[in-house]
N, C-alpha and C. Protein backbone atom coordinates (compact mmCIF):
# COMPACT_ATOMS: atom_id res chain seq x y z
N MET A 1 -94.44 23.37 9.36
CA MET A 1 -94.63 22.57 8.16
C MET A 1 -93.61 21.43 8.18
N ARG A 2 -94.06 20.29 7.74
CA ARG A 2 -93.13 19.17 7.60
C ARG A 2 -93.22 18.68 6.16
N GLU A 3 -92.09 18.26 5.63
CA GLU A 3 -92.08 17.75 4.26
C GLU A 3 -92.56 16.30 4.26
N ILE A 4 -93.39 15.98 3.27
CA ILE A 4 -93.87 14.61 3.09
C ILE A 4 -93.58 14.18 1.65
N SER A 5 -93.61 12.89 1.41
CA SER A 5 -93.44 12.37 0.06
C SER A 5 -94.78 12.41 -0.66
N VAL A 6 -94.72 12.34 -1.97
CA VAL A 6 -95.95 12.34 -2.76
C VAL A 6 -96.82 11.13 -2.42
N GLU A 7 -96.20 10.04 -2.04
CA GLU A 7 -96.95 8.84 -1.65
C GLU A 7 -97.72 9.03 -0.35
N GLU A 8 -97.28 9.97 0.47
CA GLU A 8 -97.96 10.25 1.74
C GLU A 8 -99.13 11.22 1.59
N LEU A 9 -99.26 11.85 0.42
CA LEU A 9 -100.34 12.80 0.20
C LEU A 9 -101.66 12.05 0.22
N ASN A 10 -102.52 12.43 1.14
CA ASN A 10 -103.77 11.71 1.34
C ASN A 10 -104.92 12.71 1.26
N GLU A 11 -105.20 13.19 0.06
CA GLU A 11 -106.22 14.21 -0.16
C GLU A 11 -107.12 13.81 -1.33
N ASN A 12 -108.36 14.22 -1.27
CA ASN A 12 -109.26 14.10 -2.40
C ASN A 12 -108.98 15.30 -3.30
N VAL A 13 -108.28 15.08 -4.42
CA VAL A 13 -107.83 16.22 -5.24
C VAL A 13 -108.98 16.92 -5.93
N ILE A 14 -110.09 16.25 -6.16
CA ILE A 14 -111.27 16.92 -6.74
C ILE A 14 -111.75 18.00 -5.77
N ASN A 15 -111.88 17.65 -4.50
CA ASN A 15 -112.27 18.64 -3.49
C ASN A 15 -111.17 19.65 -3.25
N LEU A 16 -109.94 19.20 -3.17
CA LEU A 16 -108.81 20.06 -2.87
C LEU A 16 -108.73 21.22 -3.87
N ILE A 17 -108.84 20.91 -5.16
CA ILE A 17 -108.72 21.94 -6.19
C ILE A 17 -110.07 22.60 -6.49
N GLY A 18 -111.07 21.81 -6.77
CA GLY A 18 -112.34 22.35 -7.24
C GLY A 18 -113.21 22.98 -6.17
N LYS A 19 -113.14 22.48 -4.96
CA LYS A 19 -113.99 22.98 -3.88
C LYS A 19 -113.22 23.89 -2.93
N ASP A 20 -112.04 23.46 -2.50
CA ASP A 20 -111.26 24.23 -1.53
C ASP A 20 -110.49 25.39 -2.17
N TRP A 21 -110.13 25.25 -3.45
CA TRP A 21 -109.34 26.22 -4.21
C TRP A 21 -107.88 26.20 -3.78
N MET A 22 -107.05 26.92 -4.53
CA MET A 22 -105.62 26.97 -4.27
C MET A 22 -105.07 28.31 -4.71
N LEU A 23 -103.91 28.66 -4.18
CA LEU A 23 -103.18 29.82 -4.68
C LEU A 23 -102.02 29.31 -5.52
N ILE A 24 -101.94 29.80 -6.75
CA ILE A 24 -100.79 29.56 -7.62
C ILE A 24 -99.87 30.75 -7.43
N THR A 25 -98.62 30.48 -7.06
CA THR A 25 -97.68 31.55 -6.76
C THR A 25 -96.36 31.29 -7.47
N ALA A 26 -95.81 32.36 -8.07
CA ALA A 26 -94.51 32.23 -8.74
C ALA A 26 -93.71 33.50 -8.49
N GLY A 27 -92.40 33.36 -8.59
CA GLY A 27 -91.47 34.45 -8.35
C GLY A 27 -90.55 34.10 -7.20
N ASN A 28 -89.98 35.12 -6.58
CA ASN A 28 -89.15 34.90 -5.39
C ASN A 28 -89.69 35.78 -4.27
N ILE A 29 -89.16 35.63 -3.10
CA ILE A 29 -89.70 36.32 -1.93
C ILE A 29 -89.68 37.84 -2.10
N ASP A 30 -88.78 38.37 -2.92
CA ASP A 30 -88.70 39.81 -3.15
C ASP A 30 -89.70 40.31 -4.18
N LYS A 31 -90.07 39.45 -5.13
CA LYS A 31 -91.01 39.85 -6.18
C LYS A 31 -91.75 38.60 -6.66
N TYR A 32 -93.02 38.55 -6.35
CA TYR A 32 -93.84 37.39 -6.69
C TYR A 32 -95.27 37.84 -6.91
N ASN A 33 -96.09 36.97 -7.42
CA ASN A 33 -97.52 37.21 -7.44
C ASN A 33 -98.24 35.89 -7.24
N THR A 34 -99.47 36.00 -6.78
CA THR A 34 -100.30 34.84 -6.51
C THR A 34 -101.69 35.05 -7.07
N MET A 35 -102.35 33.98 -7.41
CA MET A 35 -103.73 34.04 -7.87
C MET A 35 -104.48 32.81 -7.39
N THR A 36 -105.76 32.98 -7.17
CA THR A 36 -106.62 31.87 -6.77
C THR A 36 -107.02 31.08 -8.01
N ALA A 37 -107.06 29.77 -7.87
CA ALA A 37 -107.49 28.91 -8.98
C ALA A 37 -108.33 27.77 -8.42
N SER A 38 -109.28 27.35 -9.24
CA SER A 38 -110.10 26.18 -8.87
C SER A 38 -110.16 25.19 -10.03
N TRP A 39 -109.29 25.39 -11.01
CA TRP A 39 -109.17 24.46 -12.12
C TRP A 39 -107.78 23.86 -12.07
N GLY A 40 -107.69 22.56 -12.26
CA GLY A 40 -106.40 21.90 -12.29
C GLY A 40 -106.57 20.42 -12.03
N SER A 41 -105.46 19.74 -11.99
CA SER A 41 -105.50 18.29 -11.73
C SER A 41 -104.15 17.84 -11.17
N MET A 42 -104.17 16.63 -10.61
CA MET A 42 -102.96 15.97 -10.14
C MET A 42 -103.00 14.54 -10.63
N GLY A 43 -101.84 14.02 -10.96
CA GLY A 43 -101.79 12.64 -11.42
C GLY A 43 -100.36 12.20 -11.68
N PHE A 44 -100.24 11.28 -12.60
CA PHE A 44 -98.95 10.68 -12.92
C PHE A 44 -98.77 10.71 -14.42
N LEU A 45 -97.70 11.31 -14.91
CA LEU A 45 -97.45 11.47 -16.34
C LEU A 45 -95.95 11.49 -16.58
N TRP A 46 -95.51 10.86 -17.65
CA TRP A 46 -94.09 10.85 -18.02
C TRP A 46 -93.23 10.31 -16.89
N GLY A 47 -93.76 9.35 -16.14
CA GLY A 47 -93.02 8.73 -15.06
C GLY A 47 -92.85 9.61 -13.84
N LYS A 48 -93.67 10.67 -13.73
CA LYS A 48 -93.50 11.64 -12.65
C LYS A 48 -94.87 11.99 -12.03
N PRO A 49 -94.88 12.32 -10.74
CA PRO A 49 -96.10 12.89 -10.16
C PRO A 49 -96.23 14.33 -10.65
N VAL A 50 -97.40 14.70 -11.16
CA VAL A 50 -97.56 16.02 -11.79
C VAL A 50 -98.84 16.72 -11.34
N VAL A 51 -98.84 18.02 -11.57
CA VAL A 51 -100.04 18.84 -11.50
C VAL A 51 -100.24 19.49 -12.85
N THR A 52 -101.47 19.83 -13.14
CA THR A 52 -101.79 20.61 -14.33
C THR A 52 -102.56 21.83 -13.86
N ILE A 53 -102.11 23.00 -14.28
CA ILE A 53 -102.80 24.25 -13.93
C ILE A 53 -103.13 25.00 -15.21
N PHE A 54 -104.03 25.96 -15.08
CA PHE A 54 -104.50 26.74 -16.22
C PHE A 54 -104.49 28.21 -15.85
N ILE A 55 -103.85 29.04 -16.71
CA ILE A 55 -103.75 30.47 -16.45
C ILE A 55 -104.00 31.23 -17.75
N ARG A 56 -104.86 32.22 -17.68
CA ARG A 56 -105.08 33.10 -18.83
C ARG A 56 -103.89 34.07 -18.94
N PRO A 57 -103.48 34.40 -20.17
CA PRO A 57 -102.29 35.24 -20.35
C PRO A 57 -102.45 36.66 -19.82
N GLN A 58 -103.67 37.15 -19.67
CA GLN A 58 -103.85 38.51 -19.16
C GLN A 58 -103.71 38.60 -17.63
N ARG A 59 -103.64 37.46 -16.97
CA ARG A 59 -103.47 37.47 -15.51
C ARG A 59 -102.05 37.90 -15.17
N TYR A 60 -101.90 38.73 -14.16
CA TYR A 60 -100.59 39.22 -13.73
C TYR A 60 -99.68 38.06 -13.34
N THR A 61 -100.24 37.04 -12.72
CA THR A 61 -99.45 35.88 -12.30
C THR A 61 -98.83 35.15 -13.48
N TYR A 62 -99.46 35.22 -14.64
CA TYR A 62 -98.94 34.54 -15.83
C TYR A 62 -97.48 34.92 -16.10
N GLY A 63 -97.15 36.19 -16.04
CA GLY A 63 -95.78 36.64 -16.30
C GLY A 63 -94.79 36.07 -15.30
N PHE A 64 -95.21 35.93 -14.06
CA PHE A 64 -94.33 35.36 -13.03
C PHE A 64 -94.12 33.87 -13.28
N VAL A 65 -95.17 33.17 -13.65
CA VAL A 65 -95.05 31.73 -13.96
C VAL A 65 -94.15 31.55 -15.18
N GLU A 66 -94.31 32.41 -16.16
CA GLU A 66 -93.48 32.33 -17.37
C GLU A 66 -91.99 32.49 -17.06
N LYS A 67 -91.65 33.40 -16.17
CA LYS A 67 -90.25 33.71 -15.88
C LYS A 67 -89.61 32.74 -14.89
N SER A 68 -90.41 31.93 -14.23
CA SER A 68 -89.91 31.04 -13.18
C SER A 68 -89.87 29.60 -13.66
N ASP A 69 -88.92 28.85 -13.14
CA ASP A 69 -88.89 27.41 -13.39
C ASP A 69 -89.88 26.67 -12.50
N PHE A 70 -90.24 27.32 -11.37
CA PHE A 70 -91.08 26.69 -10.36
C PHE A 70 -92.28 27.56 -10.04
N PHE A 71 -93.32 26.94 -9.52
CA PHE A 71 -94.42 27.65 -8.89
C PHE A 71 -94.88 26.79 -7.72
N THR A 72 -95.64 27.40 -6.83
CA THR A 72 -96.21 26.63 -5.73
C THR A 72 -97.73 26.64 -5.82
N LEU A 73 -98.32 25.62 -5.25
CA LEU A 73 -99.76 25.55 -5.04
C LEU A 73 -99.95 25.50 -3.53
N SER A 74 -100.67 26.47 -3.00
CA SER A 74 -100.92 26.54 -1.57
C SER A 74 -102.41 26.30 -1.32
N PHE A 75 -102.70 25.40 -0.39
CA PHE A 75 -104.07 25.05 -0.03
C PHE A 75 -104.32 25.43 1.42
N PHE A 76 -105.51 25.94 1.70
CA PHE A 76 -105.83 26.52 3.00
C PHE A 76 -107.06 25.89 3.62
N ALA A 77 -107.19 26.08 4.92
CA ALA A 77 -108.41 25.70 5.63
C ALA A 77 -109.54 26.64 5.21
N GLU A 78 -110.76 26.22 5.43
CA GLU A 78 -111.95 26.99 5.04
C GLU A 78 -111.96 28.40 5.63
N LYS A 79 -111.38 28.60 6.79
CA LYS A 79 -111.40 29.93 7.41
C LYS A 79 -110.66 30.98 6.57
N PHE A 80 -109.91 30.55 5.55
CA PHE A 80 -109.20 31.48 4.67
C PHE A 80 -109.94 31.73 3.36
N ARG A 81 -111.21 31.36 3.28
CA ARG A 81 -111.99 31.53 2.04
C ARG A 81 -112.01 32.99 1.59
N LYS A 82 -112.17 33.94 2.51
CA LYS A 82 -112.19 35.36 2.13
C LYS A 82 -110.84 35.78 1.54
N ALA A 83 -109.76 35.28 2.11
CA ALA A 83 -108.43 35.60 1.59
C ALA A 83 -108.28 35.07 0.17
N LEU A 84 -108.75 33.84 -0.07
CA LEU A 84 -108.68 33.26 -1.41
C LEU A 84 -109.57 34.03 -2.38
N SER A 85 -110.73 34.45 -1.93
CA SER A 85 -111.62 35.25 -2.78
C SER A 85 -110.94 36.55 -3.19
N LEU A 86 -110.31 37.22 -2.23
CA LEU A 86 -109.61 38.46 -2.55
C LEU A 86 -108.51 38.21 -3.58
N CYS A 87 -107.72 37.15 -3.38
CA CYS A 87 -106.61 36.86 -4.29
C CYS A 87 -107.09 36.44 -5.68
N GLY A 88 -108.36 36.10 -5.80
CA GLY A 88 -108.93 35.74 -7.09
C GLY A 88 -109.66 36.87 -7.78
N THR A 89 -109.91 37.96 -7.05
CA THR A 89 -110.68 39.06 -7.65
C THR A 89 -109.89 40.35 -7.77
N LYS A 90 -108.78 40.47 -7.08
CA LYS A 90 -107.93 41.66 -7.13
C LYS A 90 -106.64 41.33 -7.85
N SER A 91 -106.04 42.33 -8.48
CA SER A 91 -104.79 42.14 -9.21
C SER A 91 -103.60 42.57 -8.38
N GLY A 92 -102.54 41.77 -8.45
CA GLY A 92 -101.28 42.12 -7.81
C GLY A 92 -100.63 43.33 -8.45
N ARG A 93 -101.12 43.75 -9.62
CA ARG A 93 -100.64 44.99 -10.22
C ARG A 93 -101.06 46.20 -9.38
N ASP A 94 -102.21 46.03 -8.69
CA ASP A 94 -102.83 47.15 -7.99
C ASP A 94 -102.65 47.14 -6.48
N ILE A 95 -102.54 45.96 -5.89
CA ILE A 95 -102.46 45.86 -4.43
C ILE A 95 -101.47 44.78 -4.03
N ASP A 96 -101.06 44.83 -2.78
CA ASP A 96 -100.26 43.75 -2.18
C ASP A 96 -101.28 42.73 -1.68
N LYS A 97 -101.52 41.70 -2.47
CA LYS A 97 -102.57 40.73 -2.16
C LYS A 97 -102.36 40.04 -0.82
N ALA A 98 -101.14 39.62 -0.53
CA ALA A 98 -100.87 38.91 0.71
C ALA A 98 -101.21 39.80 1.91
N LYS A 99 -100.78 41.04 1.86
CA LYS A 99 -101.05 41.97 2.97
C LYS A 99 -102.55 42.18 3.12
N GLU A 100 -103.23 42.45 2.02
CA GLU A 100 -104.68 42.70 2.06
C GLU A 100 -105.45 41.46 2.51
N ALA A 101 -104.97 40.28 2.13
CA ALA A 101 -105.65 39.02 2.48
C ALA A 101 -105.29 38.52 3.87
N GLY A 102 -104.24 39.10 4.47
CA GLY A 102 -103.83 38.68 5.80
C GLY A 102 -103.09 37.35 5.82
N ILE A 103 -102.35 37.09 4.75
CA ILE A 103 -101.53 35.87 4.68
C ILE A 103 -100.07 36.27 4.57
N THR A 104 -99.19 35.38 5.03
CA THR A 104 -97.77 35.71 5.18
C THR A 104 -96.91 34.93 4.19
N PRO A 105 -96.28 35.62 3.22
CA PRO A 105 -95.41 34.91 2.29
C PRO A 105 -94.12 34.45 2.97
N TYR A 106 -93.62 33.32 2.50
CA TYR A 106 -92.31 32.83 2.94
C TYR A 106 -91.73 32.01 1.81
N ALA A 107 -90.44 31.74 1.89
CA ALA A 107 -89.75 30.97 0.86
C ALA A 107 -89.38 29.60 1.42
N PRO A 108 -90.17 28.57 1.08
CA PRO A 108 -89.80 27.23 1.55
C PRO A 108 -88.46 26.78 0.99
N THR A 109 -88.13 27.25 -0.22
CA THR A 109 -86.80 27.12 -0.82
C THR A 109 -86.52 28.46 -1.50
N GLU A 110 -85.29 28.72 -1.86
CA GLU A 110 -84.93 30.04 -2.39
C GLU A 110 -85.60 30.38 -3.72
N ASP A 111 -86.12 29.39 -4.42
CA ASP A 111 -86.67 29.63 -5.75
C ASP A 111 -88.19 29.55 -5.82
N CYS A 112 -88.85 29.70 -4.67
CA CYS A 112 -90.31 29.68 -4.68
C CYS A 112 -90.87 30.41 -3.47
N VAL A 113 -92.15 30.73 -3.55
CA VAL A 113 -92.85 31.45 -2.49
C VAL A 113 -94.14 30.70 -2.18
N ALA A 114 -94.47 30.61 -0.90
CA ALA A 114 -95.74 30.02 -0.45
C ALA A 114 -96.23 30.87 0.72
N PHE A 115 -97.20 30.36 1.47
CA PHE A 115 -97.79 31.14 2.56
C PHE A 115 -97.83 30.34 3.84
N LYS A 116 -97.42 30.98 4.93
CA LYS A 116 -97.30 30.31 6.22
C LYS A 116 -98.63 29.74 6.71
N GLU A 117 -99.73 30.35 6.35
CA GLU A 117 -101.04 29.92 6.82
C GLU A 117 -101.58 28.72 6.05
N ALA A 118 -100.94 28.34 4.95
CA ALA A 118 -101.42 27.21 4.14
C ALA A 118 -101.33 25.92 4.94
N ARG A 119 -102.26 25.03 4.70
CA ARG A 119 -102.22 23.73 5.36
C ARG A 119 -101.45 22.72 4.52
N LEU A 120 -101.27 23.04 3.23
CA LEU A 120 -100.57 22.15 2.30
C LEU A 120 -99.94 22.99 1.20
N VAL A 121 -98.67 22.72 0.88
CA VAL A 121 -97.95 23.44 -0.17
C VAL A 121 -97.25 22.43 -1.07
N LEU A 122 -97.43 22.61 -2.37
CA LEU A 122 -96.72 21.80 -3.36
C LEU A 122 -95.79 22.70 -4.15
N LYS A 123 -94.52 22.33 -4.24
CA LYS A 123 -93.57 23.02 -5.11
C LYS A 123 -93.51 22.24 -6.40
N CYS A 124 -93.71 22.94 -7.52
CA CYS A 124 -93.85 22.28 -8.82
C CYS A 124 -92.86 22.86 -9.84
N LYS A 125 -92.23 21.97 -10.59
CA LYS A 125 -91.27 22.35 -11.63
C LYS A 125 -91.94 22.22 -12.99
N LYS A 126 -91.96 23.31 -13.75
CA LYS A 126 -92.62 23.31 -15.06
C LYS A 126 -91.97 22.31 -16.02
N LEU A 127 -92.82 21.54 -16.70
CA LEU A 127 -92.37 20.57 -17.69
C LEU A 127 -92.90 20.87 -19.09
N TYR A 128 -94.12 21.41 -19.16
CA TYR A 128 -94.81 21.55 -20.44
C TYR A 128 -95.79 22.71 -20.38
N LYS A 129 -95.92 23.42 -21.49
CA LYS A 129 -96.88 24.52 -21.60
C LYS A 129 -97.53 24.47 -22.97
N SER A 130 -98.82 24.72 -23.01
CA SER A 130 -99.54 24.77 -24.28
C SER A 130 -100.73 25.69 -24.16
N LEU A 131 -101.01 26.44 -25.21
CA LEU A 131 -102.21 27.26 -25.26
C LEU A 131 -103.37 26.39 -25.72
N LEU A 132 -104.46 26.41 -24.98
CA LEU A 132 -105.64 25.66 -25.42
C LEU A 132 -106.07 26.19 -26.77
N SER A 133 -106.56 25.30 -27.62
CA SER A 133 -106.96 25.66 -28.97
C SER A 133 -108.44 25.39 -29.19
N GLU A 134 -109.15 26.36 -29.74
CA GLU A 134 -110.58 26.16 -30.03
C GLU A 134 -110.80 24.93 -30.89
N ASN A 135 -109.91 24.68 -31.84
CA ASN A 135 -110.05 23.54 -32.75
C ASN A 135 -109.92 22.20 -32.04
N SER A 136 -109.30 22.19 -30.88
CA SER A 136 -109.08 20.93 -30.16
C SER A 136 -110.25 20.54 -29.25
N PHE A 137 -111.20 21.44 -29.06
CA PHE A 137 -112.35 21.11 -28.22
C PHE A 137 -113.29 20.18 -28.97
N ILE A 138 -113.49 19.02 -28.43
CA ILE A 138 -114.45 18.06 -29.00
C ILE A 138 -115.86 18.50 -28.63
N ASP A 139 -116.04 18.89 -27.37
CA ASP A 139 -117.33 19.40 -26.90
C ASP A 139 -117.30 20.91 -27.07
N LYS A 140 -117.83 21.40 -28.17
CA LYS A 140 -117.80 22.82 -28.50
C LYS A 140 -118.67 23.67 -27.58
N SER A 141 -119.56 23.04 -26.80
CA SER A 141 -120.42 23.81 -25.90
C SER A 141 -119.61 24.44 -24.76
N ILE A 142 -118.41 23.98 -24.53
CA ILE A 142 -117.54 24.55 -23.49
C ILE A 142 -117.12 25.97 -23.88
N LEU A 143 -116.90 26.19 -25.17
CA LEU A 143 -116.36 27.47 -25.63
C LEU A 143 -117.24 28.68 -25.28
N PRO A 144 -118.53 28.70 -25.62
CA PRO A 144 -119.32 29.89 -25.26
C PRO A 144 -119.52 30.06 -23.76
N GLN A 145 -119.48 28.98 -23.02
CA GLN A 145 -119.66 29.07 -21.58
C GLN A 145 -118.43 29.65 -20.89
N TRP A 146 -117.23 29.21 -21.28
CA TRP A 146 -116.01 29.58 -20.59
C TRP A 146 -115.09 30.51 -21.38
N TYR A 147 -115.29 30.58 -22.70
CA TYR A 147 -114.37 31.35 -23.53
C TYR A 147 -115.10 32.22 -24.55
N LYS A 148 -116.16 32.87 -24.12
CA LYS A 148 -116.94 33.69 -25.06
C LYS A 148 -116.12 34.83 -25.65
N ASP A 149 -115.08 35.27 -24.92
CA ASP A 149 -114.21 36.34 -25.42
C ASP A 149 -112.97 35.80 -26.14
N GLY A 150 -112.89 34.47 -26.27
CA GLY A 150 -111.74 33.87 -26.94
C GLY A 150 -110.46 33.89 -26.11
N ASP A 151 -110.57 34.16 -24.82
CA ASP A 151 -109.39 34.29 -23.95
C ASP A 151 -109.03 32.93 -23.35
N LEU A 152 -108.50 32.08 -24.20
CA LEU A 152 -108.16 30.72 -23.81
C LEU A 152 -107.00 30.68 -22.81
N HIS A 153 -107.01 29.67 -21.97
CA HIS A 153 -105.97 29.47 -20.96
C HIS A 153 -104.71 28.85 -21.56
N TYR A 154 -103.59 29.12 -20.91
CA TYR A 154 -102.40 28.32 -21.09
C TYR A 154 -102.48 27.18 -20.08
N MET A 155 -102.08 26.01 -20.50
CA MET A 155 -102.04 24.84 -19.62
C MET A 155 -100.57 24.55 -19.32
N TYR A 156 -100.28 24.37 -18.05
CA TYR A 156 -98.94 23.98 -17.62
C TYR A 156 -99.02 22.62 -16.96
N VAL A 157 -98.09 21.74 -17.31
CA VAL A 157 -97.90 20.48 -16.60
C VAL A 157 -96.58 20.63 -15.86
N ALA A 158 -96.61 20.32 -14.57
CA ALA A 158 -95.41 20.51 -13.75
C ALA A 158 -95.22 19.33 -12.81
N GLU A 159 -93.97 18.97 -12.61
CA GLU A 159 -93.63 17.88 -11.69
C GLU A 159 -93.73 18.37 -10.25
N ILE A 160 -94.35 17.57 -9.40
CA ILE A 160 -94.39 17.86 -7.97
C ILE A 160 -93.02 17.49 -7.39
N GLU A 161 -92.26 18.49 -6.98
CA GLU A 161 -90.92 18.25 -6.44
C GLU A 161 -90.90 18.12 -4.92
N ASN A 162 -91.71 18.94 -4.25
CA ASN A 162 -91.76 18.91 -2.78
C ASN A 162 -93.20 19.11 -2.33
N ILE A 163 -93.51 18.53 -1.18
CA ILE A 163 -94.81 18.74 -0.55
C ILE A 163 -94.55 19.00 0.93
N TRP A 164 -95.19 20.07 1.42
CA TRP A 164 -95.12 20.38 2.84
C TRP A 164 -96.55 20.43 3.37
N GLU A 165 -96.76 19.85 4.54
CA GLU A 165 -98.07 19.94 5.17
C GLU A 165 -97.93 20.51 6.56
N LYS A 166 -98.97 21.20 6.98
CA LYS A 166 -98.97 21.80 8.31
C LYS A 166 -99.08 20.70 9.34
N ILE A 167 -98.26 20.81 10.34
CA ILE A 167 -98.31 19.86 11.45
C ILE A 167 -99.49 20.25 12.33
N ASN A 168 -100.28 19.29 12.74
CA ASN A 168 -101.44 19.58 13.58
C ASN A 168 -101.04 20.41 14.78
N GLU A 169 -101.78 21.49 14.95
CA GLU A 169 -101.45 22.43 16.03
C GLU A 169 -102.31 22.17 17.24
């Protein structure tokens, strides 16, 4: 992996997040959890390059994100689709997701965890958190489709502090 600047990031973020998916990971190398996500965004806010992620409070990863100042977003090649599917359907409360998925955790810095097989890793520092509110939805048709049980997501906005990309092998 080599570190690149945010200006060097040359990805279609709609495909990167919505089509390719990502692992959101928080904690430290000794105790962490990861989850697959396909909702989020990247952009520029408050004079900083940022990501926005969404996590339901009942997800095991939520507690790790809450306790950490940082989280990572790890993006993989298509050949890791089954690993991402597993990390999105199984709970870290019950299994060692990385072991079961065949991916290798590592600490790019002492305060975060990512995966050696990822082709792209973003280290993100939390800036803002808010619980989505039913009253704030202008398009109310979203609620029965995505929140029929009322289990609204928390939204986190985080500054992109570091980016690592896999060097072509």
